[in-house]
Amino acid sequence: MAQCTVWQKSSFSGGGDSSDCVEIAAAQEALLLRESDRPATVLRTTPPQLALLIRHLRTH
């Protein structure tokens, strides 16, 4: 049976139904990221890699 990917809008994205947002979804042993205006482009990462990126972005 195919698994449906459930995307969640980032709380840091534009408010309301804005199409300018980052979305995240859980996958088997990974996280999926995409930009709402380019939904076909999906980045695959792990929770530790994403945490490292976020820490880096916060300090720069």
N, C-alpha and C. Protein backbone atom coordinates (compact mmCIF):
# COMPACT_ATOMS: atom_id res chain seq x y z
N MET A 1 0.85 -1.19 0.00
CA MET A 1 0.00 0.00 0.00
C MET A 1 0.89 1.24 0.00
N ALA A 2 0.61 2.20 -0.88
CA ALA A 2 1.38 3.44 -0.96
C ALA A 2 1.09 4.33 0.24
N GLN A 3 2.14 4.97 0.72
CA GLN A 3 2.00 5.86 1.87
C GLN A 3 1.82 7.29 1.38
N CYS A 4 0.87 8.00 1.95
CA CYS A 4 0.59 9.38 1.59
C CYS A 4 1.50 10.30 2.41
N THR A 5 2.16 11.24 1.76
CA THR A 5 3.02 12.20 2.45
C THR A 5 2.16 13.34 2.95
N VAL A 6 2.25 13.62 4.24
CA VAL A 6 1.49 14.70 4.86
C VAL A 6 2.44 15.86 5.11
N TRP A 7 2.21 16.97 4.42
CA TRP A 7 3.05 18.14 4.54
C TRP A 7 2.51 19.09 5.59
N GLN A 8 3.41 19.70 6.36
CA GLN A 8 3.04 20.66 7.41
C GLN A 8 3.76 21.98 7.11
N LYS A 9 3.02 23.06 7.17
CA LYS A 9 3.58 24.39 6.92
C LYS A 9 4.41 24.84 8.12
N SER A 10 5.56 25.41 7.86
CA SER A 10 6.42 25.92 8.92
C SER A 10 5.73 27.06 9.66
N SER A 11 5.91 27.12 10.96
CA SER A 11 5.33 28.21 11.75
C SER A 11 6.03 29.54 11.47
N PHE A 12 7.19 29.50 10.82
CA PHE A 12 7.91 30.73 10.47
C PHE A 12 7.52 31.27 9.10
N SER A 13 6.67 30.56 8.39
CA SER A 13 6.25 30.98 7.06
C SER A 13 5.19 32.06 7.15
N GLY A 14 4.89 32.67 6.01
CA GLY A 14 3.87 33.72 5.96
C GLY A 14 2.55 33.25 6.54
N GLY A 15 1.80 34.16 7.11
CA GLY A 15 0.54 33.83 7.75
C GLY A 15 -0.57 33.49 6.78
N GLY A 16 -1.63 32.92 7.30
CA GLY A 16 -2.82 32.61 6.51
C GLY A 16 -2.55 31.57 5.44
N ASP A 17 -3.16 31.78 4.28
CA ASP A 17 -3.01 30.84 3.17
C ASP A 17 -1.93 31.30 2.19
N SER A 18 -0.95 32.00 2.69
CA SER A 18 0.14 32.49 1.85
C SER A 18 0.80 31.32 1.12
N SER A 19 1.16 31.54 -0.14
CA SER A 19 1.82 30.49 -0.90
C SER A 19 3.34 30.56 -0.73
N ASP A 20 3.82 31.50 0.08
CA ASP A 20 5.24 31.69 0.30
C ASP A 20 5.63 31.02 1.62
N CYS A 21 5.86 29.70 1.57
CA CYS A 21 6.18 29.01 2.81
C CYS A 21 7.05 27.78 2.57
N VAL A 22 7.66 27.33 3.65
CA VAL A 22 8.43 26.10 3.66
C VAL A 22 7.57 25.04 4.32
N GLU A 23 7.57 23.85 3.74
CA GLU A 23 6.78 22.75 4.29
C GLU A 23 7.70 21.59 4.64
N ILE A 24 7.30 20.81 5.64
CA ILE A 24 8.09 19.68 6.10
C ILE A 24 7.17 18.46 6.24
N ALA A 25 7.73 17.29 5.98
CA ALA A 25 6.97 16.05 6.13
C ALA A 25 7.91 14.98 6.68
N ALA A 26 7.35 14.07 7.43
CA ALA A 26 8.12 12.95 7.96
C ALA A 26 8.08 11.80 6.97
N ALA A 27 9.22 11.19 6.77
CA ALA A 27 9.33 10.01 5.92
C ALA A 27 10.09 8.95 6.72
N GLN A 28 10.17 7.76 6.20
CA GLN A 28 10.87 6.71 6.91
C GLN A 28 12.32 7.11 7.15
N GLU A 29 12.68 7.31 8.40
CA GLU A 29 14.04 7.67 8.84
C GLU A 29 14.57 8.95 8.19
N ALA A 30 13.69 9.88 7.80
CA ALA A 30 14.13 11.12 7.17
C ALA A 30 13.06 12.19 7.32
N LEU A 31 13.46 13.40 6.99
CA LEU A 31 12.54 14.53 6.90
C LEU A 31 12.59 15.05 5.47
N LEU A 32 11.44 15.47 4.98
CA LEU A 32 11.35 16.01 3.63
C LEU A 32 11.03 17.49 3.73
N LEU A 33 11.70 18.31 2.93
CA LEU A 33 11.49 19.75 2.93
C LEU A 33 11.18 20.19 1.51
N ARG A 34 10.27 21.16 1.38
CA ARG A 34 9.98 21.74 0.07
C ARG A 34 9.49 23.16 0.25
N GLU A 35 9.61 23.94 -0.80
CA GLU A 35 9.09 25.29 -0.84
C GLU A 35 7.73 25.21 -1.53
N SER A 36 6.73 25.88 -0.99
CA SER A 36 5.37 25.74 -1.49
C SER A 36 5.21 26.14 -2.95
N ASP A 37 6.01 27.09 -3.43
CA ASP A 37 5.86 27.49 -4.82
C ASP A 37 6.65 26.59 -5.79
N ARG A 38 7.38 25.60 -5.26
CA ARG A 38 8.09 24.60 -6.08
C ARG A 38 7.91 23.23 -5.44
N PRO A 39 6.67 22.74 -5.34
CA PRO A 39 6.40 21.50 -4.61
C PRO A 39 7.05 20.24 -5.20
N ALA A 40 7.46 20.27 -6.44
CA ALA A 40 8.08 19.09 -7.04
C ALA A 40 9.54 18.93 -6.62
N THR A 41 10.15 20.00 -6.10
CA THR A 41 11.53 19.94 -5.64
C THR A 41 11.53 19.64 -4.15
N VAL A 42 11.98 18.44 -3.80
CA VAL A 42 11.94 17.99 -2.41
C VAL A 42 13.35 17.64 -1.95
N LEU A 43 13.73 18.18 -0.80
CA LEU A 43 15.01 17.86 -0.19
C LEU A 43 14.80 16.82 0.90
N ARG A 44 15.68 15.85 0.97
CA ARG A 44 15.58 14.78 1.97
C ARG A 44 16.75 14.95 2.94
N THR A 45 16.46 14.94 4.23
CA THR A 45 17.49 15.10 5.25
C THR A 45 17.14 14.26 6.47
N THR A 46 18.02 14.27 7.44
CA THR A 46 17.76 13.56 8.71
C THR A 46 17.54 14.60 9.79
N PRO A 47 16.89 14.23 10.89
CA PRO A 47 16.70 15.20 11.98
C PRO A 47 18.02 15.81 12.48
N PRO A 48 19.10 15.04 12.68
CA PRO A 48 20.34 15.68 13.13
C PRO A 48 20.91 16.67 12.12
N GLN A 49 20.82 16.36 10.83
CA GLN A 49 21.33 17.28 9.81
C GLN A 49 20.51 18.56 9.77
N LEU A 50 19.20 18.45 9.90
CA LEU A 50 18.34 19.63 9.90
C LEU A 50 18.61 20.49 11.13
N ALA A 51 18.80 19.86 12.28
CA ALA A 51 19.10 20.61 13.51
C ALA A 51 20.42 21.36 13.37
N LEU A 52 21.42 20.73 12.74
CA LEU A 52 22.70 21.39 12.52
C LEU A 52 22.53 22.60 11.61
N LEU A 53 21.76 22.46 10.55
CA LEU A 53 21.50 23.58 9.64
C LEU A 53 20.80 24.73 10.37
N ILE A 54 19.79 24.42 11.15
CA ILE A 54 19.06 25.46 11.88
C ILE A 54 19.97 26.18 12.86
N ARG A 55 20.80 25.43 13.60
CA ARG A 55 21.75 26.06 14.53
C ARG A 55 22.70 26.99 13.77
N HIS A 56 23.18 26.55 12.62
CA HIS A 56 24.08 27.37 11.82
C HIS A 56 23.39 28.65 11.35
N LEU A 57 22.18 28.53 10.86
CA LEU A 57 21.45 29.70 10.36
C LEU A 57 21.15 30.70 11.48
N ARG A 58 20.90 30.21 12.66
CA ARG A 58 20.60 31.11 13.78
C ARG A 58 21.81 31.91 14.21
N THR A 59 23.00 31.39 14.00
CA THR A 59 24.20 32.09 14.44
C THR A 59 24.81 32.98 13.37
N HIS A 60 24.27 32.93 12.16
CA HIS A 60 24.83 33.74 11.07
C HIS A 60 23.82 34.68 10.50
